Amino acid sequence: MNKSPDNNDIVILELDRPRELKLSHKVLKRFCAATGSRLSDIDNTVDDYDNMTMLIYYMLLADDPDLTPEKLDDLLDDVPIGIVLKKGAEAIKKGFGEPEKAESQDNAEDPLAAK
């Protein structure tokens, strides 16, 4: 489910074509299983460039099941490393959402909290 343009959780990474980076449940689950990472350590895990590109791989795999890690390496060779890191971090941030908004949405309109 894509969000409206003003609340979009997809990041575009320009490779051979515009590619969508979206951190979803499935992507996060596969990444954590592949790396043995705990969710609480995700920030430290993606500080390692290999892990960041692996996370990007899993995000891109959702849209392109034929993508291989080797092909991704070839595609990423044509993009400045700073852009790869920036787009990966942006996708992570959007995937987790903004904590303040999520918290206020959880408590808003809660009929049990009002009693």
PDB file of N, CA and C in Angstrom:
ATOM      1  N   MET A   1       0.845  -1.172   0.000  1.00  0.00           N
ATOM      2  CA  MET A   1       0.000   0.000   0.000  1.00  0.00           C
ATOM      3  C   MET A   1       0.892   1.237   0.000  1.00  0.00           C
ATOM      4  N   ASN A   2       0.851   2.013  -1.050  1.00  0.00           N
ATOM      5  CA  ASN A   2       1.599   3.267  -1.122  1.00  0.00           C
ATOM      6  C   ASN A   2       0.807   4.358  -0.434  1.00  0.00           C
ATOM      7  N   LYS A   3       1.504   5.256   0.185  1.00  0.00           N
ATOM      8  CA  LYS A   3       0.844   6.374   0.855  1.00  0.00           C
ATOM      9  C   LYS A   3       0.676   7.515  -0.121  1.00  0.00           C
ATOM     10  N   SER A   4      -0.117   8.480   0.269  1.00  0.00           N
ATOM     11  CA  SER A   4      -0.317   9.647  -0.582  1.00  0.00           C
ATOM     12  C   SER A   4       0.997  10.382  -0.785  1.00  0.00           C
ATOM     13  N   PRO A   5       1.119  11.191  -1.843  1.00  0.00           N
ATOM     14  CA  PRO A   5       2.381  11.868  -2.139  1.00  0.00           C
ATOM     15  C   PRO A   5       2.924  12.700  -0.990  1.00  0.00           C
ATOM     16  N   ASP A   6       2.059  13.284  -0.171  1.00  0.00           N
ATOM     17  CA  ASP A   6       2.545  14.113   0.925  1.00  0.00           C
ATOM     18  C   ASP A   6       2.952  13.280   2.143  1.00  0.00           C
ATOM     19  N   ASN A   7       2.626  12.001   2.170  1.00  0.00           N
ATOM     20  CA  ASN A   7       2.984  11.118   3.275  1.00  0.00           C
ATOM     21  C   ASN A   7       3.566   9.819   2.708  1.00  0.00           C
ATOM     22  N   ASN A   8       4.491   9.954   1.770  1.00  0.00           N
ATOM     23  CA  ASN A   8       5.038   8.836   1.032  1.00  0.00           C
ATOM     24  C   ASN A   8       6.142   8.143   1.818  1.00  0.00           C
ATOM     25  N   ASP A   9       6.111   6.807   1.850  1.00  0.00           N
ATOM     26  CA  ASP A   9       7.151   6.069   2.563  1.00  0.00           C
ATOM     27  C   ASP A   9       8.119   5.376   1.606  1.00  0.00           C
ATOM     28  N   ILE A  10       8.132   5.795   0.352  1.00  0.00           N
ATOM     29  CA  ILE A  10       9.016   5.218  -0.660  1.00  0.00           C
ATOM     30  C   ILE A  10      10.090   6.228  -1.033  1.00  0.00           C
ATOM     31  N   VAL A  11      11.320   5.732  -1.177  1.00  0.00           N
ATOM     32  CA  VAL A  11      12.456   6.540  -1.598  1.00  0.00           C
ATOM     33  C   VAL A  11      12.882   6.038  -2.973  1.00  0.00           C
ATOM     34  N   ILE A  12      13.171   6.946  -3.879  1.00  0.00           N
ATOM     35  CA  ILE A  12      13.617   6.561  -5.222  1.00  0.00           C
ATOM     36  C   ILE A  12      15.134   6.647  -5.304  1.00  0.00           C
ATOM     37  N   LEU A  13      15.750   5.553  -5.741  1.00  0.00           N
ATOM     38  CA  LEU A  13      17.187   5.506  -5.987  1.00  0.00           C
ATOM     39  C   LEU A  13      17.383   5.339  -7.488  1.00  0.00           C
ATOM     40  N   GLU A  14      18.029   6.311  -8.092  1.00  0.00           N
ATOM     41  CA  GLU A  14      18.269   6.274  -9.538  1.00  0.00           C
ATOM     42  C   GLU A  14      19.441   5.345  -9.837  1.00  0.00           C
ATOM     43  N   LEU A  15      19.156   4.212 -10.429  1.00  0.00           N
ATOM     44  CA  LEU A  15      20.188   3.272 -10.849  1.00  0.00           C
ATOM     45  C   LEU A  15      20.101   3.142 -12.363  1.00  0.00           C
ATOM     46  N   ASP A  16      19.914   1.944 -12.887  1.00  0.00           N
ATOM     47  CA  ASP A  16      19.707   1.774 -14.319  1.00  0.00           C
ATOM     48  C   ASP A  16      18.357   2.352 -14.730  1.00  0.00           C
ATOM     49  N   ARG A  17      17.491   2.489 -13.732  1.00  0.00           N
ATOM     50  CA  ARG A  17      16.162   3.099 -13.860  1.00  0.00           C
ATOM     51  C   ARG A  17      15.783   3.541 -12.452  1.00  0.00           C
ATOM     52  N   PRO A  18      14.765   4.337 -12.313  1.00  0.00           N
ATOM     53  CA  PRO A  18      14.342   4.700 -10.949  1.00  0.00           C
ATOM     54  C   PRO A  18      13.885   3.432 -10.210  1.00  0.00           C
ATOM     55  N   ARG A  19      14.467   3.203  -9.063  1.00  0.00           N
ATOM     56  CA  ARG A  19      14.139   2.013  -8.272  1.00  0.00           C
ATOM     57  C   ARG A  19      13.588   2.456  -6.921  1.00  0.00           C
ATOM     58  N   GLU A  20      12.588   1.724  -6.431  1.00  0.00           N
ATOM     59  CA  GLU A  20      11.925   2.070  -5.176  1.00  0.00           C
ATOM     60  C   GLU A  20      12.586   1.379  -3.999  1.00  0.00           C
ATOM     61  N   LEU A  21      12.944   2.166  -3.011  1.00  0.00           N
ATOM     62  CA  LEU A  21      13.439   1.642  -1.744  1.00  0.00           C
ATOM     63  C   LEU A  21      12.326   1.817  -0.724  1.00  0.00           C
ATOM     64  N   LYS A  22      11.847   0.715  -0.197  1.00  0.00           N
ATOM     65  CA  LYS A  22      10.806   0.790   0.825  1.00  0.00           C
ATOM     66  C   LYS A  22      11.100  -0.266   1.875  1.00  0.00           C
ATOM     67  N   LEU A  23      11.279   0.191   3.099  1.00  0.00           N
ATOM     68  CA  LEU A  23      11.513  -0.721   4.207  1.00  0.00           C
ATOM     69  C   LEU A  23      10.162  -1.239   4.683  1.00  0.00           C
ATOM     70  N   SER A  24       9.919  -2.498   4.411  1.00  0.00           N
ATOM     71  CA  SER A  24       8.651  -3.120   4.797  1.00  0.00           C
ATOM     72  C   SER A  24       8.912  -4.210   5.843  1.00  0.00           C
ATOM     73  N   HIS A  25       7.863  -4.769   6.341  1.00  0.00           N
ATOM     74  CA  HIS A  25       7.956  -5.874   7.305  1.00  0.00           C
ATOM     75  C   HIS A  25       8.778  -7.016   6.713  1.00  0.00           C
ATOM     76  N   LYS A  26       8.432  -7.408   5.508  1.00  0.00           N
ATOM     77  CA  LYS A  26       9.103  -8.536   4.858  1.00  0.00           C
ATOM     78  C   LYS A  26      10.594  -8.256   4.659  1.00  0.00           C
ATOM     79  N   VAL A  27      10.907  -7.058   4.208  1.00  0.00           N
ATOM     80  CA  VAL A  27      12.305  -6.670   3.985  1.00  0.00           C
ATOM     81  C   VAL A  27      13.079  -6.723   5.294  1.00  0.00           C
ATOM     82  N   LEU A  28      12.529  -6.133   6.334  1.00  0.00           N
ATOM     83  CA  LEU A  28      13.212  -6.093   7.625  1.00  0.00           C
ATOM     84  C   LEU A  28      13.399  -7.500   8.193  1.00  0.00           C
ATOM     85  N   LYS A  29      12.397  -8.322   8.043  1.00  0.00           N
ATOM     86  CA  LYS A  29      12.470  -9.697   8.541  1.00  0.00           C
ATOM     87  C   LYS A  29      13.569 -10.481   7.817  1.00  0.00           C
ATOM     88  N   ARG A  30      13.636 -10.359   6.500  1.00  0.00           N
ATOM     89  CA  ARG A  30      14.662 -11.063   5.717  1.00  0.00           C
ATOM     90  C   ARG A  30      16.058 -10.544   6.052  1.00  0.00           C
ATOM     91  N   PHE A  31      16.177  -9.229   6.182  1.00  0.00           N
ATOM     92  CA  PHE A  31      17.472  -8.633   6.489  1.00  0.00           C
ATOM     93  C   PHE A  31      17.972  -9.086   7.854  1.00  0.00           C
ATOM     94  N   CYS A  32      17.116  -9.027   8.862  1.00  0.00           N
ATOM     95  CA  CYS A  32      17.517  -9.441  10.212  1.00  0.00           C
ATOM     96  C   CYS A  32      17.890 -10.922  10.243  1.00  0.00           C
ATOM     97  N   ALA A  33      17.160 -11.750   9.514  1.00  0.00           N
ATOM     98  CA  ALA A  33      17.486 -13.176   9.452  1.00  0.00           C
ATOM     99  C   ALA A  33      18.827 -13.406   8.754  1.00  0.00           C
ATOM    100  N   ALA A  34      19.075 -12.676   7.682  1.00  0.00           N
ATOM    101  CA  ALA A  34      20.312 -12.856   6.925  1.00  0.00           C
ATOM    102  C   ALA A  34      21.539 -12.372   7.694  1.00  0.00           C
ATOM    103  N   THR A  35      21.378 -11.323   8.475  1.00  0.00           N
ATOM    104  CA  THR A  35      22.522 -10.735   9.183  1.00  0.00           C
ATOM    105  C   THR A  35      22.611 -11.183  10.640  1.00  0.00           C
ATOM    106  N   GLY A  36      21.553 -11.787  11.152  1.00  0.00           N
ATOM    107  CA  GLY A  36      21.526 -12.149  12.564  1.00  0.00           C
ATOM    108  C   GLY A  36      21.371 -10.929  13.456  1.00  0.00           C
ATOM    109  N   SER A  37      20.913  -9.837  12.861  1.00  0.00           N
ATOM    110  CA  SER A  37      20.772  -8.574  13.589  1.00  0.00           C
ATOM    111  C   SER A  37      19.508  -8.561  14.427  1.00  0.00           C
ATOM    112  N   ARG A  38      19.602  -7.865  15.533  1.00  0.00           N
ATOM    113  CA  ARG A  38      18.426  -7.606  16.357  1.00  0.00           C
ATOM    114  C   ARG A  38      17.886  -6.234  15.964  1.00  0.00           C
ATOM    115  N   LEU A  39      16.616  -6.066  16.073  1.00  0.00           N
ATOM    116  CA  LEU A  39      15.993  -4.790  15.732  1.00  0.00           C
ATOM    117  C   LEU A  39      16.585  -3.646  16.550  1.00  0.00           C
ATOM    118  N   SER A  40      16.891  -3.901  17.799  1.00  0.00           N
ATOM    119  CA  SER A  40      17.451  -2.853  18.657  1.00  0.00           C
ATOM    120  C   SER A  40      18.854  -2.433  18.217  1.00  0.00           C
ATOM    121  N   ASP A  41      19.509  -3.243  17.391  1.00  0.00           N
ATOM    122  CA  ASP A  41      20.858  -2.933  16.918  1.00  0.00           C
ATOM    123  C   ASP A  41      20.889  -2.474  15.462  1.00  0.00           C
ATOM    124  N   ILE A  42      19.736  -2.198  14.886  1.00  0.00           N
ATOM    125  CA  ILE A  42      19.674  -1.896  13.450  1.00  0.00           C
ATOM    126  C   ILE A  42      20.554  -0.706  13.066  1.00  0.00           C
ATOM    127  N   ASP A  43      20.597   0.329  13.903  1.00  0.00           N
ATOM    128  CA  ASP A  43      21.428   1.493  13.588  1.00  0.00           C
ATOM    129  C   ASP A  43      22.902   1.112  13.466  1.00  0.00           C
ATOM    130  N   ASN A  44      23.388   0.321  14.420  1.00  0.00           N
ATOM    131  CA  ASN A  44      24.789  -0.117  14.370  1.00  0.00           C
ATOM    132  C   ASN A  44      25.030  -1.078  13.211  1.00  0.00           C
ATOM    133  N   THR A  45      24.058  -1.915  12.923  1.00  0.00           N
ATOM    134  CA  THR A  45      24.209  -2.894  11.852  1.00  0.00           C
ATOM    135  C   THR A  45      24.375  -2.206  10.503  1.00  0.00           C
ATOM    136  N   VAL A  46      23.557  -1.204  10.226  1.00  0.00           N
ATOM    137  CA  VAL A  46      23.634  -0.545   8.913  1.00  0.00           C
ATOM    138  C   VAL A  46      24.756   0.479   8.836  1.00  0.00           C
ATOM    139  N   ASP A  47      25.470   0.700   9.940  1.00  0.00           N
ATOM    140  CA  ASP A  47      26.682   1.523   9.878  1.00  0.00           C
ATOM    141  C   ASP A  47      27.753   0.827   9.054  1.00  0.00           C
ATOM    142  N   ASP A  48      27.666  -0.494   8.965  1.00  0.00           N
ATOM    143  CA  ASP A  48      28.569  -1.277   8.128  1.00  0.00           C
ATOM    144  C   ASP A  48      28.057  -1.199   6.684  1.00  0.00           C
ATOM    145  N   TYR A  49      28.908  -0.745   5.773  1.00  0.00           N
ATOM    146  CA  TYR A  49      28.479  -0.521   4.386  1.00  0.00           C
ATOM    147  C   TYR A  49      27.941  -1.793   3.730  1.00  0.00           C
ATOM    148  N   ASP A  50      28.572  -2.932   4.006  1.00  0.00           N
ATOM    149  CA  ASP A  50      28.073  -4.192   3.433  1.00  0.00           C
ATOM    150  C   ASP A  50      26.640  -4.460   3.878  1.00  0.00           C
ATOM    151  N   ASN A  51      26.361  -4.202   5.147  1.00  0.00           N
ATOM    152  CA  ASN A  51      25.003  -4.416   5.652  1.00  0.00           C
ATOM    153  C   ASN A  51      24.018  -3.412   5.063  1.00  0.00           C
ATOM    154  N   MET A  52      24.453  -2.157   4.902  1.00  0.00           N
ATOM    155  CA  MET A  52      23.563  -1.164   4.299  1.00  0.00           C
ATOM    156  C   MET A  52      23.199  -1.584   2.878  1.00  0.00           C
ATOM    157  N   THR A  53      24.188  -2.025   2.109  1.00  0.00           N
ATOM    158  CA  THR A  53      23.872  -2.428   0.731  1.00  0.00           C
ATOM    159  C   THR A  53      23.049  -3.712   0.708  1.00  0.00           C
ATOM    160  N   MET A  54      23.224  -4.567   1.717  1.00  0.00           N
ATOM    161  CA  MET A  54      22.386  -5.766   1.790  1.00  0.00           C
ATOM    162  C   MET A  54      20.936  -5.377   2.067  1.00  0.00           C
ATOM    163  N   LEU A  55      20.738  -4.400   2.938  1.00  0.00           N
ATOM    164  CA  LEU A  55      19.384  -3.928   3.210  1.00  0.00           C
ATOM    165  C   LEU A  55      18.783  -3.312   1.946  1.00  0.00           C
ATOM    166  N   ILE A  56      19.559  -2.542   1.229  1.00  0.00           N
ATOM    167  CA  ILE A  56      19.092  -1.966  -0.042  1.00  0.00           C
ATOM    168  C   ILE A  56      18.736  -3.084  -1.015  1.00  0.00           C
ATOM    169  N   TYR A  57      19.555  -4.119  -1.054  1.00  0.00           N
ATOM    170  CA  TYR A  57      19.273  -5.272  -1.921  1.00  0.00           C
ATOM    171  C   TYR A  57      17.898  -5.859  -1.600  1.00  0.00           C
ATOM    172  N   TYR A  58      17.622  -6.096  -0.324  1.00  0.00           N
ATOM    173  CA  TYR A  58      16.326  -6.672   0.048  1.00  0.00           C
ATOM    174  C   TYR A  58      15.175  -5.719  -0.284  1.00  0.00           C
ATOM    175  N   MET A  59      15.403  -4.427  -0.152  1.00  0.00           N
ATOM    176  CA  MET A  59      14.347  -3.474  -0.528  1.00  0.00           C
ATOM    177  C   MET A  59      14.094  -3.518  -2.033  1.00  0.00           C
ATOM    178  N   LEU A  60      15.153  -3.608  -2.829  1.00  0.00           N
ATOM    179  CA  LEU A  60      14.999  -3.638  -4.283  1.00  0.00           C
ATOM    180  C   LEU A  60      14.475  -4.976  -4.778  1.00  0.00           C
ATOM    181  N   LEU A  61      14.777  -6.040  -4.063  1.00  0.00           N
ATOM    182  CA  LEU A  61      14.347  -7.379  -4.453  1.00  0.00           C
ATOM    183  C   LEU A  61      12.824  -7.494  -4.497  1.00  0.00           C
ATOM    184  N   ALA A  62      12.146  -6.733  -3.666  1.00  0.00           N
ATOM    185  CA  ALA A  62      10.681  -6.751  -3.655  1.00  0.00           C
ATOM    186  C   ALA A  62      10.115  -6.327  -5.007  1.00  0.00           C
ATOM    187  N   ASP A  63      10.797  -5.406  -5.676  1.00  0.00           N
ATOM    188  CA  ASP A  63      10.342  -4.906  -6.971  1.00  0.00           C
ATOM    189  C   ASP A  63      10.963  -5.657  -8.144  1.00  0.00           C
ATOM    190  N   ASP A  64      12.118  -6.311  -7.926  1.00  0.00           N
ATOM    191  CA  ASP A  64      12.836  -6.982  -9.004  1.00  0.00           C
ATOM    192  C   ASP A  64      13.370  -8.320  -8.507  1.00  0.00           C
ATOM    193  N   PRO A  65      12.546  -9.382  -8.576  1.00  0.00           N
ATOM    194  CA  PRO A  65      12.952 -10.683  -8.059  1.00  0.00           C
ATOM    195  C   PRO A  65      14.159 -11.298  -8.782  1.00  0.00           C
ATOM    196  N   ASP A  66      14.509 -10.783  -9.945  1.00  0.00           N
ATOM    197  CA  ASP A  66      15.663 -11.300 -10.688  1.00  0.00           C
ATOM    198  C   ASP A  66      16.977 -10.630 -10.283  1.00  0.00           C
ATOM    199  N   LEU A  67      16.900  -9.635  -9.425  1.00  0.00           N
ATOM    200  CA  LEU A  67      18.095  -8.914  -8.995  1.00  0.00           C
ATOM    201  C   LEU A  67      18.973  -9.845  -8.151  1.00  0.00           C
ATOM    202  N   THR A  68      20.258  -9.795  -8.411  1.00  0.00           N
ATOM    203  CA  THR A  68      21.222 -10.556  -7.616  1.00  0.00           C
ATOM    204  C   THR A  68      22.116  -9.567  -6.880  1.00  0.00           C
ATOM    205  N   PRO A  69      22.770 -10.011  -5.810  1.00  0.00           N
ATOM    206  CA  PRO A  69      23.701  -9.108  -5.120  1.00  0.00           C
ATOM    207  C   PRO A  69      24.807  -8.608  -6.058  1.00  0.00           C
ATOM    208  N   GLU A  70      25.262  -9.458  -6.956  1.00  0.00           N
ATOM    209  CA  GLU A  70      26.314  -9.059  -7.896  1.00  0.00           C
ATOM    210  C   GLU A  70      25.819  -7.986  -8.860  1.00  0.00           C
ATOM    211  N   LYS A  71      24.589  -8.154  -9.344  1.00  0.00           N
ATOM    212  CA  LYS A  71      24.036  -7.144 -10.249  1.00  0.00           C
ATOM    213  C   LYS A  71      23.850  -5.815  -9.515  1.00  0.00           C
ATOM    214  N   LEU A  72      23.422  -5.894  -8.265  1.00  0.00           N
ATOM    215  CA  LEU A  72      23.274  -4.663  -7.484  1.00  0.00           C
ATOM    216  C   LEU A  72      24.625  -3.986  -7.315  1.00  0.00           C
ATOM    217  N   ASP A  73      25.669  -4.760  -7.040  1.00  0.00           N
ATOM    218  CA  ASP A  73      27.010  -4.174  -6.926  1.00  0.00           C
ATOM    219  C   ASP A  73      27.377  -3.421  -8.198  1.00  0.00           C
ATOM    220  N   ASP A  74      27.081  -4.011  -9.359  1.00  0.00           N
ATOM    221  CA  ASP A  74      27.366  -3.344 -10.632  1.00  0.00           C
ATOM    222  C   ASP A  74      26.565  -2.054 -10.772  1.00  0.00           C
ATOM    223  N   LEU A  75      25.294  -2.085 -10.379  1.00  0.00           N
ATOM    224  CA  LEU A  75      24.450  -0.894 -10.465  1.00  0.00           C
ATOM    225  C   LEU A  75      24.935   0.196  -9.512  1.00  0.00           C
ATOM    226  N   LEU A  76      25.329  -0.204  -8.313  1.00  0.00           N
ATOM    227  CA  LEU A  76      25.777   0.773  -7.315  1.00  0.00           C
ATOM    228  C   LEU A  76      27.128   1.383  -7.662  1.00  0.00           C
ATOM    229  N   ASP A  77      27.911   0.696  -8.503  1.00  0.00           N
ATOM    230  CA  ASP A  77      29.200   1.250  -8.934  1.00  0.00           C
ATOM    231  C   ASP A  77      29.033   2.555  -9.697  1.00  0.00           C
ATOM    232  N   ASP A  78      27.852   2.770 -10.269  1.00  0.00           N
ATOM    233  CA  ASP A  78      27.603   3.978 -11.063  1.00  0.00           C
ATOM    234  C   ASP A  78      26.981   5.116 -10.258  1.00  0.00           C
ATOM    235  N   VAL A  79      26.865   4.930  -8.938  1.00  0.00           N
ATOM    236  CA  VAL A  79      26.234   5.928  -8.072  1.00  0.00           C
ATOM    237  C   VAL A  79      27.247   6.338  -7.000  1.00  0.00           C
ATOM    238  N   PRO A  80      27.364   7.630  -6.717  1.00  0.00           N
ATOM    239  CA  PRO A  80      28.262   8.034  -5.635  1.00  0.00           C
ATOM    240  C   PRO A  80      27.868   7.369  -4.307  1.00  0.00           C
ATOM    241  N   ILE A  81      28.848   6.941  -3.556  1.00  0.00           N
ATOM    242  CA  ILE A  81      28.595   6.239  -2.295  1.00  0.00           C
ATOM    243  C   ILE A  81      27.756   7.094  -1.341  1.00  0.00           C
ATOM    244  N   GLY A  82      27.979   8.388  -1.337  1.00  0.00           N
ATOM    245  CA  GLY A  82      27.201   9.274  -0.481  1.00  0.00           C
ATOM    246  C   GLY A  82      25.713   9.215  -0.787  1.00  0.00           C
ATOM    247  N   ILE A  83      25.372   9.097  -2.061  1.00  0.00           N
ATOM    248  CA  ILE A  83      23.955   8.984  -2.453  1.00  0.00           C
ATOM    249  C   ILE A  83      23.382   7.659  -1.973  1.00  0.00           C
ATOM    250  N   VAL A  84      24.144   6.579  -2.114  1.00  0.00           N
ATOM    251  CA  VAL A  84      23.695   5.260  -1.658  1.00  0.00           C
ATOM    252  C   VAL A  84      23.389   5.318  -0.164  1.00  0.00           C
ATOM    253  N   LEU A  85      24.310   5.889   0.607  1.00  0.00           N
ATOM    254  CA  LEU A  85      24.112   5.988   2.056  1.00  0.00           C
ATOM    255  C   LEU A  85      22.930   6.877   2.414  1.00  0.00           C
ATOM    256  N   LYS A  86      22.819   8.012   1.728  1.00  0.00           N
ATOM    257  CA  LYS A  86      21.727   8.952   1.999  1.00  0.00           C
ATOM    258  C   LYS A  86      20.371   8.316   1.712  1.00  0.00           C
ATOM    259  N   LYS A  87      20.245   7.664   0.562  1.00  0.00           N
ATOM    260  CA  LYS A  87      18.965   7.055   0.184  1.00  0.00           C
ATOM    261  C   LYS A  87      18.619   5.873   1.090  1.00  0.00           C
ATOM    262  N   GLY A  88      19.632   5.089   1.454  1.00  0.00           N
ATOM    263  CA  GLY A  88      19.390   3.977   2.375  1.00  0.00           C
ATOM    264  C   GLY A  88      18.898   4.472   3.720  1.00  0.00           C
ATOM    265  N   ALA A  89      19.561   5.485   4.255  1.00  0.00           N
ATOM    266  CA  ALA A  89      19.161   6.053   5.548  1.00  0.00           C
ATOM    267  C   ALA A  89      17.770   6.668   5.475  1.00  0.00           C
ATOM    268  N   GLU A  90      17.473   7.317   4.370  1.00  0.00           N
ATOM    269  CA  GLU A  90      16.151   7.924   4.194  1.00  0.00           C
ATOM    270  C   GLU A  90      15.060   6.851   4.168  1.00  0.00           C
ATOM    271  N   ALA A  91      15.327   5.740   3.491  1.00  0.00           N
ATOM    272  CA  ALA A  91      14.345   4.644   3.432  1.00  0.00           C
ATOM    273  C   ALA A  91      14.125   4.038   4.817  1.00  0.00           C
ATOM    274  N   ILE A  92      15.194   3.918   5.595  1.00  0.00           N
ATOM    275  CA  ILE A  92      15.066   3.388   6.959  1.00  0.00           C
ATOM    276  C   ILE A  92      14.215   4.329   7.804  1.00  0.00           C
ATOM    277  N   LYS A  93      14.522   5.608   7.727  1.00  0.00           N
ATOM    278  CA  LYS A  93      13.768   6.604   8.507  1.00  0.00           C
ATOM    279  C   LYS A  93      12.285   6.582   8.139  1.00  0.00           C
ATOM    280  N   LYS A  94      11.997   6.541   6.851  1.00  0.00           N
ATOM    281  CA  LYS A  94      10.599   6.518   6.424  1.00  0.00           C
ATOM    282  C   LYS A  94       9.927   5.204   6.790  1.00  0.00           C
ATOM    283  N   GLY A  95      10.675   4.115   6.755  1.00  0.00           N
ATOM    284  CA  GLY A  95      10.114   2.811   7.094  1.00  0.00           C
ATOM    285  C   GLY A  95       9.676   2.715   8.540  1.00  0.00           C
ATOM    286  N   PHE A  96      10.453   3.320   9.419  1.00  0.00           N
ATOM    287  CA  PHE A  96      10.113   3.293  10.837  1.00  0.00           C
ATOM    288  C   PHE A  96       9.129   4.389  11.211  1.00  0.00           C
ATOM    289  N   GLY A  97       8.981   5.391  10.351  1.00  0.00           N
ATOM    290  CA  GLY A  97       8.056   6.476  10.636  1.00  0.00           C
ATOM    291  C   GLY A  97       8.591   7.396  11.706  1.00  0.00           C
ATOM    292  N   GLU A  98       7.822   8.397  12.014  1.00  0.00           N
ATOM    293  CA  GLU A  98       8.202   9.365  13.032  1.00  0.00           C
ATOM    294  C   GLU A  98       7.565   8.948  14.347  1.00  0.00           C
ATOM    295  N   PRO A  99       8.365   8.663  15.354  1.00  0.00           N
ATOM    296  CA  PRO A  99       7.831   8.164  16.624  1.00  0.00           C
ATOM    297  C   PRO A  99       6.771   9.061  17.259  1.00  0.00           C
ATOM    298  N   GLU A 100       6.974  10.388  17.208  1.00  0.00           N
ATOM    299  CA  GLU A 100       5.990  11.270  17.840  1.00  0.00           C
ATOM    300  C   GLU A 100       4.620  11.135  17.189  1.00  0.00           C
ATOM    301  N   LYS A 101       4.595  11.043  15.878  1.00  0.00           N
ATOM    302  CA  LYS A 101       3.306  10.922  15.193  1.00  0.00           C
ATOM    303  C   LYS A 101       2.668   9.574  15.475  1.00  0.00           C
ATOM    304  N   ALA A 102       3.457   8.517  15.449  1.00  0.00           N
ATOM    305  CA  ALA A 102       2.916   7.186  15.709  1.00  0.00           C
ATOM    306  C   ALA A 102       2.347   7.107  17.120  1.00  0.00           C
ATOM    307  N   GLU A 103       3.053   7.676  18.099  1.00  0.00           N
ATOM    308  CA  GLU A 103       2.573   7.677  19.473  1.00  0.00           C
ATOM    309  C   GLU A 103       1.278   8.437  19.617  1.00  0.00           C
ATOM    310  N   SER A 104       1.202   9.622  19.018  1.00  0.00           N
ATOM    311  CA  SER A 104      -0.006  10.424  19.156  1.00  0.00           C
ATOM    312  C   SER A 104      -1.180   9.770  18.439  1.00  0.00           C
ATOM    313  N   GLN A 105      -0.925   9.051  17.349  1.00  0.00           N
ATOM    314  CA  GLN A 105      -2.001   8.352  16.653  1.00  0.00           C
ATOM    315  C   GLN A 105      -2.503   7.185  17.493  1.00  0.00           C
ATOM    316  N   ASP A 106      -1.603   6.522  18.227  1.00  0.00           N
ATOM    317  CA  ASP A 106      -2.006   5.408  19.068  1.00  0.00           C
ATOM    318  C   ASP A 106      -2.937   5.873  20.186  1.00  0.00           C
ATOM    319  N   ASN A 107      -2.688   7.057  20.745  1.00  0.00           N
ATOM    320  CA  ASN A 107      -3.467   7.540  21.878  1.00  0.00           C
ATOM    321  C   ASN A 107      -4.678   8.360  21.440  1.00  0.00           C
ATOM    322  N   ALA A 108      -4.652   8.879  20.226  1.00  0.00           N
ATOM    323  CA  ALA A 108      -5.777   9.682  19.750  1.00  0.00           C
ATOM    324  C   ALA A 108      -6.985   8.803  19.499  1.00  0.00           C
ATOM    325  N   GLU A 109      -8.118   9.302  19.858  1.00  0.00           N
ATOM    326  CA  GLU A 109      -9.366   8.613  19.587  1.00  0.00           C
ATOM    327  C   GLU A 109      -9.465   7.263  20.291  1.00  0.00           C
ATOM    328  N   ASP A 110      -8.714   7.047  21.352  1.00  0.00           N
ATOM    329  CA  ASP A 110      -8.788   5.804  22.087  1.00  0.00           C
ATOM    330  C   ASP A 110      -9.885   5.912  23.131  1.00  0.00           C
ATOM    331  N   PRO A 111     -11.010   5.256  22.894  1.00  0.00           N
ATOM    332  CA  PRO A 111     -12.144   5.413  23.820  1.00  0.00           C
ATOM    333  C   PRO A 111     -11.835   4.897  25.218  1.00  0.00           C
ATOM    334  N   LEU A 112     -10.940   3.911  25.358  1.00  0.00           N
ATOM    335  CA  LEU A 112     -10.606   3.399  26.678  1.00  0.00           C
ATOM    336  C   LEU A 112      -9.743   4.375  27.456  1.00  0.00           C
ATOM    337  N   ALA A 113      -8.942   5.141  26.764  1.00  0.00           N
ATOM    338  CA  ALA A 113      -8.083   6.126  27.437  1.00  0.00           C
ATOM    339  C   ALA A 113      -8.911   7.283  28.002  1.00  0.00           C
ATOM    340  N   ALA A 114     -10.042   7.550  27.404  1.00  0.00           N
ATOM    341  CA  ALA A 114     -10.888   8.666  27.837  1.00  0.00           C
ATOM    342  C   ALA A 114     -11.670   8.327  29.103  1.00  0.00           C
ATOM    343  N   LYS A 115     -11.829   7.056  29.404  1.00  0.00           N
ATOM    344  CA  LYS A 115     -12.648   6.645  30.567  1.00  0.00           C
ATOM    345  C   LYS A 115     -11.891   6.709  31.861  1.00  0.00           C
TER     346      LYS A 115
END
